[in-house]
Amino acid sequence: MTARFADLARPLATVVAAFTVAAMMVGAAVPVLPIA
């Protein structure tokens, strides 16, 4: 159970981290769009 949960949690954490970075990049780009 624990090993299986770890196998699922590790990729899930990677996806969440990648989504967070992407959201931050989009959030940083949005204020620039009206200027450009």
PDB file of N, CA and C in Angstrom:
ATOM      1  N   MET A   1       0.833  -1.199   0.000  1.00  0.00           N
ATOM      2  CA  MET A   1       0.000   0.000   0.000  1.00  0.00           C
ATOM      3  C   MET A   1       0.868   1.249   0.000  1.00  0.00           C
ATOM      4  N   THR A   2       1.843   1.279   0.923  1.00  0.00           N
ATOM      5  CA  THR A   2       2.686   2.472   1.028  1.00  0.00           C
ATOM      6  C   THR A   2       3.536   2.637  -0.225  1.00  0.00           C
ATOM      7  N   ALA A   3       4.112   1.531  -0.711  1.00  0.00           N
ATOM      8  CA  ALA A   3       4.971   1.614  -1.895  1.00  0.00           C
ATOM      9  C   ALA A   3       4.143   2.034  -3.108  1.00  0.00           C
ATOM     10  N   ARG A   4       2.937   1.500  -3.203  1.00  0.00           N
ATOM     11  CA  ARG A   4       2.080   1.848  -4.334  1.00  0.00           C
ATOM     12  C   ARG A   4       1.700   3.325  -4.264  1.00  0.00           C
ATOM     13  N   PHE A   5       1.413   3.812  -3.060  1.00  0.00           N
ATOM     14  CA  PHE A   5       1.072   5.227  -2.897  1.00  0.00           C
ATOM     15  C   PHE A   5       2.248   6.108  -3.284  1.00  0.00           C
ATOM     16  N   ALA A   6       3.460   5.683  -2.917  1.00  0.00           N
ATOM     17  CA  ALA A   6       4.655   6.461  -3.262  1.00  0.00           C
ATOM     18  C   ALA A   6       4.847   6.480  -4.776  1.00  0.00           C
ATOM     19  N   ASP A   7       4.576   5.351  -5.427  1.00  0.00           N
ATOM     20  CA  ASP A   7       4.726   5.293  -6.889  1.00  0.00           C
ATOM     21  C   ASP A   7       3.733   6.236  -7.574  1.00  0.00           C
ATOM     22  N   LEU A   8       2.564   6.411  -6.958  1.00  0.00           N
ATOM     23  CA  LEU A   8       1.565   7.308  -7.542  1.00  0.00           C
ATOM     24  C   LEU A   8       1.839   8.756  -7.163  1.00  0.00           C
ATOM     25  N   ALA A   9       2.328   8.980  -5.951  1.00  0.00           N
ATOM     26  CA  ALA A   9       2.500  10.342  -5.456  1.00  0.00           C
ATOM     27  C   ALA A   9       3.660  11.044  -6.145  1.00  0.00           C
ATOM     28  N   ARG A  10       4.693  10.281  -6.483  1.00  0.00           N
ATOM     29  CA  ARG A  10       5.876  10.922  -7.079  1.00  0.00           C
ATOM     30  C   ARG A  10       5.545  11.548  -8.441  1.00  0.00           C
ATOM     31  N   PRO A  11       4.931  10.826  -9.387  1.00  0.00           N
ATOM     32  CA  PRO A  11       4.553  11.462 -10.662  1.00  0.00           C
ATOM     33  C   PRO A  11       3.518  12.562 -10.455  1.00  0.00           C
ATOM     34  N   LEU A  12       2.608  12.381  -9.498  1.00  0.00           N
ATOM     35  CA  LEU A  12       1.589  13.392  -9.248  1.00  0.00           C
ATOM     36  C   LEU A  12       2.237  14.679  -8.775  1.00  0.00           C
ATOM     37  N   ALA A  13       3.230  14.562  -7.889  1.00  0.00           N
ATOM     38  CA  ALA A  13       3.937  15.748  -7.412  1.00  0.00           C
ATOM     39  C   ALA A  13       4.672  16.432  -8.556  1.00  0.00           C
ATOM     40  N   THR A  14       5.213  15.630  -9.475  1.00  0.00           N
ATOM     41  CA  THR A  14       5.916  16.207 -10.628  1.00  0.00           C
ATOM     42  C   THR A  14       4.948  16.981 -11.513  1.00  0.00           C
ATOM     43  N   VAL A  15       3.759  16.419 -11.730  1.00  0.00           N
ATOM     44  CA  VAL A  15       2.751  17.090 -12.553  1.00  0.00           C
ATOM     45  C   VAL A  15       2.297  18.377 -11.883  1.00  0.00           C
ATOM     46  N   VAL A  16       2.076  18.324 -10.564  1.00  0.00           N
ATOM     47  CA  VAL A  16       1.630  19.511  -9.830  1.00  0.00           C
ATOM     48  C   VAL A  16       2.698  20.591  -9.887  1.00  0.00           C
ATOM     49  N   ALA A  17       3.965  20.192  -9.733  1.00  0.00           N
ATOM     50  CA  ALA A  17       5.056  21.175  -9.784  1.00  0.00           C
ATOM     51  C   ALA A  17       5.141  21.798 -11.173  1.00  0.00           C
ATOM     52  N   ALA A  18       5.019  20.985 -12.214  1.00  0.00           N
ATOM     53  CA  ALA A  18       5.086  21.511 -13.575  1.00  0.00           C
ATOM     54  C   ALA A  18       3.909  22.443 -13.851  1.00  0.00           C
ATOM     55  N   PHE A  19       2.721  22.074 -13.356  1.00  0.00           N
ATOM     56  CA  PHE A  19       1.546  22.913 -13.552  1.00  0.00           C
ATOM     57  C   PHE A  19       1.702  24.240 -12.820  1.00  0.00           C
ATOM     58  N   THR A  20       2.297  24.201 -11.617  1.00  0.00           N
ATOM     59  CA  THR A  20       2.510  25.424 -10.846  1.00  0.00           C
ATOM     60  C   THR A  20       3.472  26.352 -11.571  1.00  0.00           C
ATOM     61  N   VAL A  21       4.559  25.790 -12.106  1.00  0.00           N
ATOM     62  CA  VAL A  21       5.532  26.608 -12.847  1.00  0.00           C
ATOM     63  C   VAL A  21       4.873  27.205 -14.087  1.00  0.00           C
ATOM     64  N   ALA A  22       4.075  26.400 -14.789  1.00  0.00           N
ATOM     65  CA  ALA A  22       3.395  26.902 -15.987  1.00  0.00           C
ATOM     66  C   ALA A  22       2.416  28.010 -15.622  1.00  0.00           C
ATOM     67  N   ALA A  23       1.695  27.842 -14.516  1.00  0.00           N
ATOM     68  CA  ALA A  23       0.741  28.864 -14.094  1.00  0.00           C
ATOM     69  C   ALA A  23       1.460  30.157 -13.728  1.00  0.00           C
ATOM     70  N   MET A  24       2.629  30.047 -13.099  1.00  0.00           N
ATOM     71  CA  MET A  24       3.402  31.236 -12.743  1.00  0.00           C
ATOM     72  C   MET A  24       3.888  31.949 -14.000  1.00  0.00           C
ATOM     73  N   MET A  25       4.316  31.180 -15.006  1.00  0.00           N
ATOM     74  CA  MET A  25       4.802  31.784 -16.248  1.00  0.00           C
ATOM     75  C   MET A  25       3.658  32.488 -16.972  1.00  0.00           C
ATOM     76  N   VAL A  26       2.483  31.857 -17.000  1.00  0.00           N
ATOM     77  CA  VAL A  26       1.320  32.479 -17.638  1.00  0.00           C
ATOM     78  C   VAL A  26       0.922  33.731 -16.870  1.00  0.00           C
ATOM     79  N   GLY A  27       0.938  33.646 -15.531  1.00  0.00           N
ATOM     80  CA  GLY A  27       0.584  34.795 -14.710  1.00  0.00           C
ATOM     81  C   GLY A  27       1.542  35.953 -14.922  1.00  0.00           C
ATOM     82  N   ALA A  28       2.814  35.651 -15.170  1.00  0.00           N
ATOM     83  CA  ALA A  28       3.804  36.703 -15.403  1.00  0.00           C
ATOM     84  C   ALA A  28       3.641  37.285 -16.802  1.00  0.00           C
ATOM     85  N   ALA A  29       3.153  36.492 -17.758  1.00  0.00           N
ATOM     86  CA  ALA A  29       3.036  36.952 -19.143  1.00  0.00           C
ATOM     87  C   ALA A  29       1.769  37.775 -19.358  1.00  0.00           C
ATOM     88  N   VAL A  30       0.712  37.512 -18.580  1.00  0.00           N
ATOM     89  CA  VAL A  30      -0.576  38.182 -18.799  1.00  0.00           C
ATOM     90  C   VAL A  30      -0.477  39.707 -18.690  1.00  0.00           C
ATOM     91  N   PRO A  31       0.192  40.281 -17.673  1.00  0.00           N
ATOM     92  CA  PRO A  31       0.260  41.751 -17.606  1.00  0.00           C
ATOM     93  C   PRO A  31       1.031  42.364 -18.771  1.00  0.00           C
ATOM     94  N   VAL A  32       1.870  41.585 -19.453  1.00  0.00           N
ATOM     95  CA  VAL A  32       2.678  42.125 -20.552  1.00  0.00           C
ATOM     96  C   VAL A  32       1.862  42.190 -21.845  1.00  0.00           C
ATOM     97  N   LEU A  33       0.859  41.336 -21.969  1.00  0.00           N
ATOM     98  CA  LEU A  33       0.108  41.237 -23.226  1.00  0.00           C
ATOM     99  C   LEU A  33      -0.547  42.558 -23.642  1.00  0.00           C
ATOM    100  N   PRO A  34      -1.244  43.278 -22.757  1.00  0.00           N
ATOM    101  CA  PRO A  34      -1.867  44.534 -23.198  1.00  0.00           C
ATOM    102  C   PRO A  34      -0.835  45.564 -23.651  1.00  0.00           C
ATOM    103  N   ILE A  35       0.365  45.517 -23.069  1.00  0.00           N
ATOM    104  CA  ILE A  35       1.413  46.476 -23.437  1.00  0.00           C
ATOM    105  C   ILE A  35       1.915  46.162 -24.846  1.00  0.00           C
ATOM    106  N   ALA A  36       2.085  44.858 -25.133  1.00  0.00           N
ATOM    107  CA  ALA A  36       2.578  44.448 -26.447  1.00  0.00           C
ATOM    108  C   ALA A  36       1.404  44.447 -27.437  1.00  0.00           C
TER     109      ALA A  36
END
